[in-house]
N, C-alpha and C. Protein backbone atom coordinates (compact mmCIF):
# COMPACT_ATOMS: atom_id res chain seq x y z
N MET A 1 -0.64 -100.31 62.56
CA MET A 1 -1.69 -99.42 63.00
C MET A 1 -1.79 -99.40 64.52
N LYS A 2 -1.79 -100.56 65.16
CA LYS A 2 -2.00 -100.60 66.60
C LYS A 2 -0.89 -99.88 67.36
N THR A 3 0.36 -100.07 66.95
CA THR A 3 1.46 -99.42 67.63
C THR A 3 1.37 -97.91 67.45
N GLU A 4 1.02 -97.47 66.25
CA GLU A 4 0.85 -96.04 65.99
C GLU A 4 -0.21 -95.45 66.92
N ASN A 5 -1.37 -96.13 67.02
CA ASN A 5 -2.46 -95.63 67.87
C ASN A 5 -2.06 -95.64 69.34
N GLU A 6 -1.35 -96.69 69.75
CA GLU A 6 -0.92 -96.76 71.14
C GLU A 6 0.00 -95.60 71.46
N LEU A 7 0.92 -95.31 70.53
CA LEU A 7 1.86 -94.22 70.75
C LEU A 7 1.18 -92.85 70.62
N LEU A 8 0.18 -92.74 69.76
CA LEU A 8 -0.56 -91.51 69.57
C LEU A 8 -1.40 -91.17 70.80
N LEU A 9 -1.84 -92.18 71.49
CA LEU A 9 -2.69 -92.01 72.66
C LEU A 9 -1.98 -91.26 73.79
N ILE A 10 -0.70 -91.51 73.98
CA ILE A 10 0.05 -90.92 75.09
C ILE A 10 0.13 -89.39 74.98
N PRO A 11 0.63 -88.82 73.86
CA PRO A 11 0.69 -87.35 73.80
C PRO A 11 -0.69 -86.68 73.80
N LYS A 12 -1.69 -87.32 73.19
CA LYS A 12 -3.04 -86.76 73.21
C LYS A 12 -3.57 -86.70 74.64
N TYR A 13 -3.32 -87.74 75.40
CA TYR A 13 -3.80 -87.75 76.77
C TYR A 13 -3.01 -86.77 77.64
N GLU A 14 -1.72 -86.62 77.37
CA GLU A 14 -0.92 -85.64 78.11
C GLU A 14 -1.45 -84.22 77.88
N LYS A 15 -1.81 -83.89 76.64
CA LYS A 15 -2.39 -82.57 76.35
C LYS A 15 -3.71 -82.39 77.10
N TYR A 16 -4.51 -83.44 77.12
CA TYR A 16 -5.78 -83.41 77.83
C TYR A 16 -5.55 -83.14 79.32
N ILE A 17 -4.59 -83.83 79.92
CA ILE A 17 -4.29 -83.64 81.35
C ILE A 17 -3.87 -82.19 81.60
N GLU A 18 -2.98 -81.67 80.76
CA GLU A 18 -2.53 -80.29 80.93
C GLU A 18 -3.71 -79.32 80.88
N TYR A 19 -4.60 -79.52 79.92
CA TYR A 19 -5.76 -78.66 79.79
C TYR A 19 -6.66 -78.78 81.02
N MET A 20 -6.94 -80.00 81.42
CA MET A 20 -7.86 -80.22 82.54
C MET A 20 -7.31 -79.69 83.87
N LEU A 21 -6.00 -79.75 84.05
CA LEU A 21 -5.42 -79.21 85.28
C LEU A 21 -5.67 -77.70 85.36
N GLN A 22 -5.59 -77.01 84.22
CA GLN A 22 -5.89 -75.58 84.18
C GLN A 22 -7.37 -75.33 84.49
N VAL A 23 -8.23 -76.19 83.96
CA VAL A 23 -9.68 -76.06 84.22
C VAL A 23 -9.97 -76.29 85.70
N ILE A 24 -9.39 -77.31 86.26
CA ILE A 24 -9.64 -77.66 87.67
C ILE A 24 -9.17 -76.54 88.60
N LEU A 25 -8.07 -75.88 88.25
CA LEU A 25 -7.57 -74.78 89.09
C LEU A 25 -8.57 -73.63 89.19
N LYS A 26 -9.46 -73.51 88.21
CA LYS A 26 -10.38 -72.38 88.17
C LYS A 26 -11.78 -72.69 88.69
N ILE A 27 -12.02 -73.91 89.12
CA ILE A 27 -13.35 -74.21 89.66
C ILE A 27 -13.41 -73.71 91.11
N PRO A 28 -14.61 -73.53 91.66
CA PRO A 28 -14.73 -73.01 93.03
C PRO A 28 -13.91 -73.84 94.04
N ARG A 29 -13.40 -73.15 95.02
CA ARG A 29 -12.46 -73.75 95.98
C ARG A 29 -12.98 -75.04 96.63
N THR A 30 -14.21 -75.03 97.10
CA THR A 30 -14.73 -76.22 97.78
C THR A 30 -14.79 -77.40 96.82
N GLU A 31 -15.17 -77.14 95.58
CA GLU A 31 -15.27 -78.23 94.61
C GLU A 31 -13.91 -78.64 94.06
N LYS A 32 -12.96 -77.70 94.05
CA LYS A 32 -11.61 -78.00 93.58
C LYS A 32 -11.01 -79.14 94.40
N PHE A 33 -11.29 -79.13 95.69
CA PHE A 33 -10.70 -80.14 96.57
C PHE A 33 -11.56 -81.40 96.66
N ASN A 34 -12.77 -81.36 96.16
CA ASN A 34 -13.62 -82.55 96.16
C ASN A 34 -13.61 -83.21 94.79
N ILE A 35 -14.43 -82.69 93.88
CA ILE A 35 -14.51 -83.31 92.56
C ILE A 35 -13.20 -83.11 91.79
N GLY A 36 -12.52 -81.98 92.03
CA GLY A 36 -11.25 -81.73 91.35
C GLY A 36 -10.21 -82.76 91.71
N ASN A 37 -10.12 -83.11 92.99
CA ASN A 37 -9.15 -84.11 93.43
C ASN A 37 -9.49 -85.49 92.87
N GLU A 38 -10.77 -85.85 92.89
CA GLU A 38 -11.20 -87.13 92.32
C GLU A 38 -10.90 -87.19 90.83
N PHE A 39 -11.16 -86.08 90.14
CA PHE A 39 -10.92 -86.02 88.71
C PHE A 39 -9.43 -86.22 88.41
N LYS A 40 -8.58 -85.56 89.19
CA LYS A 40 -7.13 -85.71 88.97
C LYS A 40 -6.69 -87.14 89.24
N CYS A 41 -7.22 -87.76 90.28
CA CYS A 41 -6.86 -89.15 90.58
C CYS A 41 -7.22 -90.08 89.42
N ILE A 42 -8.41 -89.89 88.87
CA ILE A 42 -8.85 -90.72 87.75
C ILE A 42 -7.97 -90.46 86.52
N MET A 43 -7.63 -89.20 86.28
CA MET A 43 -6.77 -88.88 85.12
C MET A 43 -5.41 -89.56 85.24
N TYR A 44 -4.81 -89.48 86.42
CA TYR A 44 -3.48 -90.07 86.61
C TYR A 44 -3.53 -91.60 86.54
N LYS A 45 -4.60 -92.19 87.08
CA LYS A 45 -4.76 -93.65 87.00
C LYS A 45 -4.93 -94.07 85.53
N MET A 46 -5.69 -93.28 84.79
CA MET A 46 -5.88 -93.59 83.37
C MET A 46 -4.55 -93.48 82.61
N LEU A 47 -3.76 -92.46 82.92
CA LEU A 47 -2.44 -92.32 82.28
C LEU A 47 -1.57 -93.53 82.61
N GLU A 48 -1.61 -93.95 83.86
CA GLU A 48 -0.83 -95.13 84.27
C GLU A 48 -1.25 -96.36 83.46
N ASN A 49 -2.56 -96.55 83.29
CA ASN A 49 -3.04 -97.70 82.51
C ASN A 49 -2.68 -97.58 81.03
N ILE A 50 -2.67 -96.36 80.50
CA ILE A 50 -2.27 -96.15 79.11
C ILE A 50 -0.81 -96.55 78.94
N LEU A 51 0.02 -96.18 79.91
CA LEU A 51 1.45 -96.51 79.82
C LEU A 51 1.69 -98.02 79.95
N TYR A 52 0.80 -98.72 80.64
CA TYR A 52 0.93 -100.18 80.76
C TYR A 52 0.70 -100.90 79.43
N ILE A 53 -0.09 -100.32 78.55
CA ILE A 53 -0.49 -101.03 77.33
C ILE A 53 0.70 -101.58 76.57
N ASN A 54 1.75 -100.79 76.38
CA ASN A 54 2.90 -101.26 75.62
C ASN A 54 3.83 -102.15 76.43
N LYS A 55 3.63 -102.23 77.72
CA LYS A 55 4.55 -102.97 78.59
C LYS A 55 4.07 -104.37 78.95
N ILE A 56 2.80 -104.65 78.74
CA ILE A 56 2.27 -105.95 79.17
C ILE A 56 2.10 -106.88 77.98
N GLU A 57 1.87 -108.15 78.28
CA GLU A 57 1.67 -109.14 77.23
C GLU A 57 0.41 -108.79 76.43
N ILE A 58 0.43 -109.13 75.17
CA ILE A 58 -0.67 -108.80 74.26
C ILE A 58 -2.02 -109.32 74.75
N PRO A 59 -2.15 -110.55 75.27
CA PRO A 59 -3.47 -111.01 75.72
C PRO A 59 -4.09 -110.17 76.84
N LYS A 60 -3.28 -109.50 77.64
CA LYS A 60 -3.80 -108.70 78.76
C LYS A 60 -4.14 -107.27 78.35
N ARG A 61 -3.78 -106.87 77.14
CA ARG A 61 -4.00 -105.48 76.71
C ARG A 61 -5.48 -105.12 76.63
N LEU A 62 -6.30 -106.03 76.21
CA LEU A 62 -7.73 -105.75 76.09
C LEU A 62 -8.32 -105.39 77.45
N TYR A 63 -7.89 -106.09 78.48
CA TYR A 63 -8.36 -105.80 79.84
C TYR A 63 -8.04 -104.35 80.22
N TYR A 64 -6.79 -103.94 79.99
CA TYR A 64 -6.38 -102.58 80.34
C TYR A 64 -7.08 -101.54 79.46
N LEU A 65 -7.28 -101.85 78.20
CA LEU A 65 -8.00 -100.93 77.32
C LEU A 65 -9.43 -100.72 77.81
N ASN A 66 -10.06 -101.77 78.29
CA ASN A 66 -11.42 -101.62 78.84
C ASN A 66 -11.41 -100.82 80.14
N LEU A 67 -10.38 -100.98 80.95
CA LEU A 67 -10.24 -100.15 82.16
C LEU A 67 -10.11 -98.68 81.79
N ILE A 68 -9.28 -98.41 80.79
CA ILE A 68 -9.06 -97.04 80.33
C ILE A 68 -10.37 -96.45 79.82
N ASP A 69 -11.11 -97.24 79.08
CA ASP A 69 -12.39 -96.78 78.54
C ASP A 69 -13.36 -96.44 79.67
N ALA A 70 -13.40 -97.27 80.70
CA ALA A 70 -14.27 -97.00 81.85
C ALA A 70 -13.84 -95.72 82.57
N GLU A 71 -12.54 -95.50 82.69
CA GLU A 71 -12.05 -94.28 83.34
C GLU A 71 -12.39 -93.04 82.50
N ALA A 72 -12.33 -93.17 81.19
CA ALA A 72 -12.72 -92.06 80.30
C ALA A 72 -14.21 -91.75 80.48
N ASN A 73 -15.02 -92.79 80.59
CA ASN A 73 -16.46 -92.59 80.81
C ASN A 73 -16.72 -91.90 82.15
N MET A 74 -15.97 -92.26 83.15
CA MET A 74 -16.11 -91.61 84.46
C MET A 74 -15.79 -90.12 84.36
N GLN A 75 -14.76 -89.80 83.60
CA GLN A 75 -14.40 -88.39 83.41
C GLN A 75 -15.50 -87.63 82.67
N ARG A 76 -16.12 -88.28 81.70
CA ARG A 76 -17.23 -87.64 80.98
C ARG A 76 -18.39 -87.31 81.93
N VAL A 77 -18.69 -88.26 82.80
CA VAL A 77 -19.76 -88.05 83.79
C VAL A 77 -19.41 -86.88 84.70
N MET A 78 -18.19 -86.86 85.18
CA MET A 78 -17.77 -85.79 86.09
C MET A 78 -17.79 -84.43 85.39
N LEU A 79 -17.42 -84.40 84.11
CA LEU A 79 -17.48 -83.15 83.35
C LEU A 79 -18.92 -82.66 83.21
N ARG A 80 -19.85 -83.59 82.97
CA ARG A 80 -21.26 -83.21 82.88
C ARG A 80 -21.76 -82.65 84.22
N ILE A 81 -21.33 -83.24 85.31
CA ILE A 81 -21.70 -82.73 86.64
C ILE A 81 -21.14 -81.32 86.84
N MET A 82 -19.89 -81.13 86.43
CA MET A 82 -19.26 -79.82 86.61
C MET A 82 -19.97 -78.73 85.81
N VAL A 83 -20.34 -79.03 84.57
CA VAL A 83 -21.00 -78.01 83.75
C VAL A 83 -22.43 -77.79 84.23
N LYS A 84 -23.10 -78.85 84.66
CA LYS A 84 -24.47 -78.73 85.15
C LYS A 84 -24.54 -77.83 86.39
N ASN A 85 -23.54 -77.94 87.25
CA ASN A 85 -23.49 -77.12 88.46
C ASN A 85 -22.79 -75.78 88.25
N LYS A 86 -22.44 -75.51 86.99
CA LYS A 86 -21.79 -74.25 86.60
C LYS A 86 -20.44 -74.03 87.26
N TRP A 87 -19.73 -75.13 87.54
CA TRP A 87 -18.37 -75.02 88.07
C TRP A 87 -17.39 -74.77 86.93
N ILE A 88 -17.78 -75.21 85.71
CA ILE A 88 -17.00 -74.88 84.51
C ILE A 88 -17.99 -74.34 83.48
N ASP A 89 -17.49 -73.55 82.54
CA ASP A 89 -18.38 -72.99 81.53
C ASP A 89 -18.53 -73.94 80.33
N GLU A 90 -19.47 -73.62 79.48
CA GLU A 90 -19.78 -74.47 78.32
C GLU A 90 -18.58 -74.65 77.38
N LYS A 91 -17.80 -73.58 77.20
CA LYS A 91 -16.65 -73.65 76.29
C LYS A 91 -15.62 -74.68 76.79
N LYS A 92 -15.29 -74.61 78.06
CA LYS A 92 -14.33 -75.56 78.63
C LYS A 92 -14.88 -76.98 78.57
N TYR A 93 -16.17 -77.10 78.80
CA TYR A 93 -16.83 -78.41 78.72
C TYR A 93 -16.71 -78.98 77.32
N LYS A 94 -17.01 -78.16 76.31
CA LYS A 94 -16.95 -78.63 74.92
C LYS A 94 -15.54 -79.01 74.51
N VAL A 95 -14.57 -78.19 74.88
CA VAL A 95 -13.17 -78.50 74.54
C VAL A 95 -12.75 -79.80 75.21
N SER A 96 -13.09 -79.96 76.48
CA SER A 96 -12.74 -81.18 77.23
C SER A 96 -13.37 -82.41 76.59
N MET A 97 -14.66 -82.29 76.25
CA MET A 97 -15.36 -83.43 75.65
C MET A 97 -14.82 -83.76 74.27
N GLU A 98 -14.42 -82.75 73.50
CA GLU A 98 -13.82 -83.01 72.18
C GLU A 98 -12.50 -83.76 72.33
N MET A 99 -11.70 -83.35 73.31
CA MET A 99 -10.43 -84.03 73.56
C MET A 99 -10.69 -85.48 73.97
N LEU A 100 -11.65 -85.69 74.86
CA LEU A 100 -11.99 -87.05 75.29
C LEU A 100 -12.56 -87.86 74.13
N TYR A 101 -13.29 -87.20 73.23
CA TYR A 101 -13.85 -87.88 72.07
C TYR A 101 -12.73 -88.42 71.18
N GLU A 102 -11.70 -87.60 70.93
CA GLU A 102 -10.55 -88.06 70.13
C GLU A 102 -9.85 -89.24 70.80
N ILE A 103 -9.65 -89.13 72.09
CA ILE A 103 -9.01 -90.22 72.85
C ILE A 103 -9.88 -91.47 72.78
N GLY A 104 -11.19 -91.29 72.90
CA GLY A 104 -12.12 -92.41 72.81
C GLY A 104 -12.10 -93.10 71.46
N LYS A 105 -11.95 -92.33 70.39
CA LYS A 105 -11.87 -92.93 69.05
C LYS A 105 -10.64 -93.82 68.93
N ILE A 106 -9.53 -93.35 69.44
CA ILE A 106 -8.30 -94.15 69.41
C ILE A 106 -8.49 -95.41 70.25
N LEU A 107 -9.04 -95.24 71.45
CA LEU A 107 -9.30 -96.39 72.33
C LEU A 107 -10.22 -97.40 71.67
N GLY A 108 -11.29 -96.91 71.04
CA GLY A 108 -12.23 -97.81 70.37
C GLY A 108 -11.55 -98.63 69.29
N GLY A 109 -10.68 -97.99 68.52
CA GLY A 109 -9.94 -98.71 67.49
C GLY A 109 -9.03 -99.78 68.08
N LEU A 110 -8.36 -99.43 69.17
CA LEU A 110 -7.47 -100.40 69.83
C LEU A 110 -8.27 -101.56 70.43
N ILE A 111 -9.41 -101.26 71.03
CA ILE A 111 -10.24 -102.31 71.62
C ILE A 111 -10.73 -103.26 70.54
N LYS A 112 -11.18 -102.71 69.42
CA LYS A 112 -11.63 -103.56 68.30
C LYS A 112 -10.49 -104.43 67.79
N HIS A 113 -9.31 -103.81 67.65
CA HIS A 113 -8.15 -104.56 67.14
C HIS A 113 -7.81 -105.73 68.06
N TYR A 114 -7.69 -105.47 69.36
CA TYR A 114 -7.31 -106.53 70.28
C TYR A 114 -8.43 -107.54 70.51
N ALA A 115 -9.67 -107.10 70.44
CA ALA A 115 -10.79 -108.04 70.58
C ALA A 115 -10.83 -109.00 69.40
N LYS A 116 -10.56 -108.48 68.22
CA LYS A 116 -10.58 -109.30 67.01
C LYS A 116 -9.40 -110.28 66.99
N ASN A 117 -8.24 -109.80 67.44
CA ASN A 117 -7.03 -110.62 67.37
C ASN A 117 -6.75 -111.42 68.63
N ASN A 118 -7.66 -111.34 69.60
CA ASN A 118 -7.45 -112.04 70.86
C ASN A 118 -8.72 -112.84 71.18
N LYS A 119 -8.91 -113.93 70.50
CA LYS A 119 -10.14 -114.70 70.66
C LYS A 119 -10.22 -115.41 72.01
N LYS A 120 -9.06 -115.72 72.63
CA LYS A 120 -9.09 -116.38 73.92
C LYS A 120 -9.40 -115.39 75.03
N SER A 121 -9.74 -115.92 76.15
CA SER A 121 -10.07 -115.09 77.31
C SER A 121 -8.83 -114.37 77.81
N VAL A 122 -9.03 -113.17 78.34
CA VAL A 122 -7.95 -112.37 78.88
C VAL A 122 -7.57 -112.85 80.27
N TRP A 123 -8.41 -113.61 80.90
CA TRP A 123 -8.12 -114.05 82.26
C TRP A 123 -7.24 -115.21 82.20
C-alpha cells in the first residue's frame, strides 16, 4: 500500500502543478510576480520533497511527509487569499482545492502508515 501511494502521489501532484501554472498565468500581472512566484516556489519545493520520499531511509520519511503536508497547507492558504481578492475565480479555486484534497488524503495515509510503523524518533 505505501509504495503504491508514494508512486500515486507523484503523477497527481504533477497534474496539480500543470493546472496551477495555467491558473497563475491568468492572475493580475502585479500579483503574478508576487504571490504567483511564491506559490510556484512552494509547489516546486513540495515536488522536490515528494521525490525524496522514495530515496531516503524509512525513519526519515515521516519528517519529509510532514514537510510536504505543511507546504500543502501553505498552498491552501494562498489559494484562499487569491480567491478572496478575486485574483482567481471560484471554479478554479474549487478545482485546485479538490486536487489538493486528493493529494492530502494520500499524504494523510502515508503519514499514518509511517507514524504507526516508526515508533522511534525521526531525529
